C-alpha atoms as a PDB file:
ATOM      1  CA  MET A   1     -92.866 -40.130 -82.253  1.00  0.00           C
ATOM      2  CA  GLU A   2     -89.593 -40.330 -80.342  1.00  0.00           C
ATOM      3  CA  LEU A   3     -89.214 -43.133 -77.850  1.00  0.00           C
ATOM      4  CA  ILE A   4     -86.368 -41.420 -76.017  1.00  0.00           C
ATOM      5  CA  ASP A   5     -86.660 -37.912 -74.637  1.00  0.00           C
ATOM      6  CA  PRO A   6     -84.059 -35.766 -76.485  1.00  0.00           C
ATOM      7  CA  GLU A   7     -83.157 -34.152 -73.157  1.00  0.00           C
ATOM      8  CA  MET A   8     -82.022 -37.542 -71.844  1.00  0.00           C
ATOM      9  CA  ARG A   9     -79.281 -37.990 -74.450  1.00  0.00           C
ATOM     10  CA  VAL A  10     -75.882 -38.711 -72.912  1.00  0.00           C
ATOM     11  CA  ASP A  11     -74.358 -35.529 -74.306  1.00  0.00           C
ATOM     12  CA  LYS A  12     -77.129 -33.515 -72.608  1.00  0.00           C
ATOM     13  CA  LEU A  13     -76.822 -35.079 -69.156  1.00  0.00           C
ATOM     14  CA  LYS A  14     -74.564 -33.543 -66.550  1.00  0.00           C
ATOM     15  CA  ILE A  15     -73.106 -36.802 -65.326  1.00  0.00           C
ATOM     16  CA  PRO A  16     -69.345 -36.812 -64.769  1.00  0.00           C
ATOM     17  CA  TYR A  17     -67.434 -39.418 -66.736  1.00  0.00           C
ATOM     18  CA  TYR A  18     -63.729 -39.965 -66.151  1.00  0.00           C
ATOM     19  CA  PRO A  19     -62.408 -42.840 -68.252  1.00  0.00           C
ATOM     20  CA  THR A  20     -59.304 -44.661 -67.064  1.00  0.00           C
ATOM     21  CA  PRO A  21     -56.335 -43.776 -69.313  1.00  0.00           C
ATOM     22  CA  TYR A  22     -55.238 -46.672 -71.554  1.00  0.00           C
ATOM     23  CA  LYS A  23     -51.738 -46.604 -70.039  1.00  0.00           C
ATOM     24  CA  VAL A  24     -53.300 -47.276 -66.621  1.00  0.00           C
ATOM     25  CA  VAL A  25     -55.644 -49.947 -68.047  1.00  0.00           C
ATOM     26  CA  LYS A  26     -52.700 -51.841 -69.555  1.00  0.00           C
ATOM     27  CA  ARG A  27     -50.802 -51.698 -66.250  1.00  0.00           C
ATOM     28  CA  MET A  28     -53.886 -52.909 -64.333  1.00  0.00           C
ATOM     29  CA  ILE A  29     -54.150 -55.875 -66.701  1.00  0.00           C
ATOM     30  CA  GLN A  30     -50.467 -56.692 -66.151  1.00  0.00           C
ATOM     31  CA  LEU A  31     -50.887 -56.521 -62.373  1.00  0.00           C
ATOM     32  CA  ALA A  32     -53.951 -58.798 -62.519  1.00  0.00           C
ATOM     33  CA  ASN A  33     -51.650 -61.570 -63.778  1.00  0.00           C
ATOM     34  CA  LEU A  34     -54.550 -63.306 -65.538  1.00  0.00           C
ATOM     35  CA  ARG A  35     -54.201 -66.991 -66.364  1.00  0.00           C
ATOM     36  CA  PRO A  36     -55.842 -68.896 -69.237  1.00  0.00           C
ATOM     37  CA  GLN A  37     -59.555 -69.573 -68.763  1.00  0.00           C
ATOM     38  CA  GLU A  38     -59.941 -66.981 -65.978  1.00  0.00           C
ATOM     39  CA  ARG A  39     -62.799 -64.501 -66.137  1.00  0.00           C
ATOM     40  CA  LEU A  40     -62.683 -60.734 -65.936  1.00  0.00           C
ATOM     41  CA  ILE A  41     -65.828 -58.936 -64.812  1.00  0.00           C
ATOM     42  CA  ASP A  42     -65.917 -55.145 -64.883  1.00  0.00           C
ATOM     43  CA  LEU A  43     -69.132 -53.938 -63.257  1.00  0.00           C
ATOM     44  CA  GLY A  44     -70.113 -50.458 -64.380  1.00  0.00           C
ATOM     45  CA  SER A  45     -67.553 -50.673 -67.150  1.00  0.00           C
ATOM     46  CA  GLY A  46     -68.292 -47.285 -68.746  1.00  0.00           C
ATOM     47  CA  ASP A  47     -67.062 -47.490 -72.324  1.00  0.00           C
ATOM     48  CA  GLY A  48     -65.775 -51.041 -71.804  1.00  0.00           C
ATOM     49  CA  ARG A  49     -62.111 -50.219 -72.239  1.00  0.00           C
ATOM     50  CA  ILE A  50     -60.902 -52.598 -69.503  1.00  0.00           C
ATOM     51  CA  PRO A  51     -62.633 -55.770 -70.789  1.00  0.00           C
ATOM     52  CA  ILE A  52     -62.007 -54.836 -74.433  1.00  0.00           C
ATOM     53  CA  THR A  53     -58.304 -54.177 -73.844  1.00  0.00           C
ATOM     54  CA  THR A  54     -58.040 -57.382 -71.791  1.00  0.00           C
ATOM     55  CA  ALA A  55     -59.637 -59.389 -74.604  1.00  0.00           C
ATOM     56  CA  LEU A  56     -57.181 -57.885 -77.102  1.00  0.00           C
ATOM     57  CA  ILE A  57     -54.190 -58.793 -74.924  1.00  0.00           C
ATOM     58  CA  HIS A  58     -55.409 -62.186 -73.606  1.00  0.00           C
ATOM     59  CA  ASP A  59     -57.337 -64.226 -76.157  1.00  0.00           C
ATOM     60  CA  ASP A  60     -57.646 -67.049 -73.612  1.00  0.00           C
ATOM     61  CA  VAL A  61     -59.399 -65.014 -70.869  1.00  0.00           C
ATOM     62  CA  PHE A  62     -63.188 -64.608 -70.747  1.00  0.00           C
ATOM     63  CA  CYS A  63     -64.313 -60.984 -70.501  1.00  0.00           C
END
């Protein structure tokens, strides 16, 4: 018994997904000018590249 309908798999859905290029993500993080102990919240973060990249660059920022 499958709990998830095979037709609902992400690769089967026709939902557009346009990830932000890493070059743009890095520039956005620079422009945010984050300070220690600040928090970054990325609602609807897709694959999570903005909070993950931020955490890799700023180990003192909460993502």
